[in-house]
Protein backbone atom coordinates (compact mmCIF):
# COMPACT_ATOMS: atom_id res chain seq x y z
CA MET A 1 -134.73 51.32 15.70
CA GLN A 2 -133.98 53.14 18.91
CA LEU A 3 -134.97 50.11 21.03
CA LEU A 4 -132.54 47.94 19.09
CA HIS A 5 -129.80 50.49 19.68
CA VAL A 6 -130.47 50.46 23.45
CA PHE A 7 -130.52 46.65 23.46
CA GLN A 8 -127.12 46.52 21.74
CA ARG A 9 -125.57 48.90 24.30
CA VAL A 10 -126.22 46.37 27.10
CA PRO A 11 -123.15 44.14 27.61
CA ARG A 12 -123.41 40.73 25.95
CA PHE A 13 -123.18 38.64 29.15
CA LEU A 14 -126.17 40.54 30.59
CA ARG A 15 -128.20 39.55 27.51
CA SER A 16 -127.33 35.88 27.92
CA PHE A 17 -130.21 33.45 28.41
CA TYR A 18 -128.43 31.80 31.34
CA PHE A 19 -127.84 35.10 33.11
CA LEU A 20 -131.45 36.16 32.64
CA ALA A 21 -132.80 32.77 33.74
CA GLY A 22 -130.50 32.72 36.78
CA SER A 23 -131.48 36.28 37.72
CA ALA A 24 -135.17 35.45 37.39
CA PHE A 25 -134.70 32.35 39.53
CA LEU A 26 -132.81 34.33 42.18
CA VAL A 27 -135.47 37.05 42.30
CA TRP A 28 -138.20 34.41 42.52
CA MET A 29 -136.50 32.59 45.42
CA LEU A 30 -135.70 35.78 47.36
CA VAL A 31 -138.98 37.63 46.89
CA PHE A 32 -141.90 35.55 45.63
CA ASP A 33 -141.29 32.06 47.03
CA ALA A 34 -143.18 30.68 50.04
CA ASN A 35 -139.91 30.64 52.00
CA ASP A 36 -138.64 34.08 51.04
CA LEU A 37 -136.18 36.14 53.05
CA VAL A 38 -138.82 37.86 55.17
CA LYS A 39 -140.37 34.56 56.20
CA GLN A 40 -136.93 33.08 56.94
CA TYR A 41 -136.13 36.05 59.19
CA ASP A 42 -139.46 35.74 61.00
CA MET A 43 -138.89 32.03 61.54
CA TYR A 44 -135.40 32.71 62.90
CA ALA A 45 -136.75 35.34 65.32
CA LYS A 46 -139.46 32.93 66.49
CA TRP A 47 -136.83 30.20 66.96
CA ARG A 48 -134.74 32.51 69.16
CA GLU A 49 -137.82 33.41 71.20
CA LEU A 50 -138.65 29.74 71.69
CA GLN A 51 -135.08 29.01 72.75
CA ALA A 52 -135.35 31.72 75.43
CA GLU A 53 -138.65 30.25 76.63
CA LYS A 54 -137.08 26.81 76.74
CA GLU A 55 -134.32 28.07 79.02
CA TYR A 56 -136.90 29.76 81.27
CA TYR A 57 -138.98 26.60 81.60
CA LEU A 58 -135.96 24.38 82.19
CA ASN A 59 -134.90 26.66 85.04
CA ASN A 60 -138.42 26.58 86.48
CA ILE A 61 -138.49 22.79 86.29
CA GLU A 62 -135.34 22.64 88.39
CA LEU A 63 -136.86 24.99 91.00
CA VAL A 64 -140.07 22.96 91.15
CA LYS A 65 -138.14 19.70 91.56
CA LYS A 66 -136.17 21.24 94.42
CA ASP A 67 -139.34 22.52 96.13
CA ARG A 68 -141.05 19.16 95.65
CA ALA A 69 -138.15 17.29 97.22
CA GLU A 70 -138.25 19.64 100.23
CA LEU A 71 -142.02 19.33 100.62
CA LEU A 72 -142.06 15.56 100.45
CA SER A 73 -139.31 15.32 103.04
CA SER A 74 -141.17 17.10 105.85
CA PRO A 75 -144.90 17.09 106.75
CA GLU A 76 -144.51 20.46 108.51
CA LEU A 77 -143.19 22.08 105.34
CA LEU A 78 -145.98 20.49 103.34
CA GLU A 79 -148.60 21.95 105.67
CA LYS A 80 -146.93 25.38 105.60
CA PHE A 81 -146.79 25.32 101.81
CA ALA A 82 -150.44 24.30 101.51
CA ARG A 83 -151.55 27.02 103.89
CA GLU A 84 -149.53 29.78 102.26
CA LYS A 85 -149.84 28.86 98.59
CA TYR A 86 -153.31 27.38 98.34
CA ILE A 87 -154.94 28.97 101.40
CA MET A 88 -155.92 25.61 102.85
CA LYS A 89 -157.18 25.28 106.39
CA ARG A 90 -158.11 22.71 108.96
CA PRO A 91 -161.79 22.07 109.70
CA GLY A 92 -163.12 24.66 112.10
CA GLU A 93 -160.41 27.27 111.35
CA ASP A 94 -161.05 30.67 109.88
CA VAL A 95 -158.58 32.10 107.37
CA PHE A 96 -158.12 35.82 106.97
CA ILE A 97 -156.24 37.15 103.97
CA LEU A 98 -154.66 40.55 104.43
CA VAL A 99 -154.24 42.51 101.23
CA PRO A 100 -152.02 45.61 101.32
CA GLN A 101 -153.90 48.84 100.75
CA GLU A 102 -153.11 50.51 97.42
CA GLN A 103 -151.66 54.00 97.65
CA GLU A 104 -152.99 56.67 95.33
């Protein structure tokens, strides 16, 4: 008897089948679905991170293209680059690499 009394105190539109079905559907889509709100937020954050990485790599591509054009234009620059970057040497040369001493 008391349960029936509590049920009747709830407004009629809240007891409607369509309201209950719509609410259940909304809760399912927001919480239990494979593409719930948490997953959507994580995917958005990952997308923003990938966009930042894309900008970084596009900038690096431009720098590499510029360096490549400079290196291919002059044999002296190509030799300097090879010696400094890849520690290449001519036959019979000795290469010494100086590493700064770490301070404690």
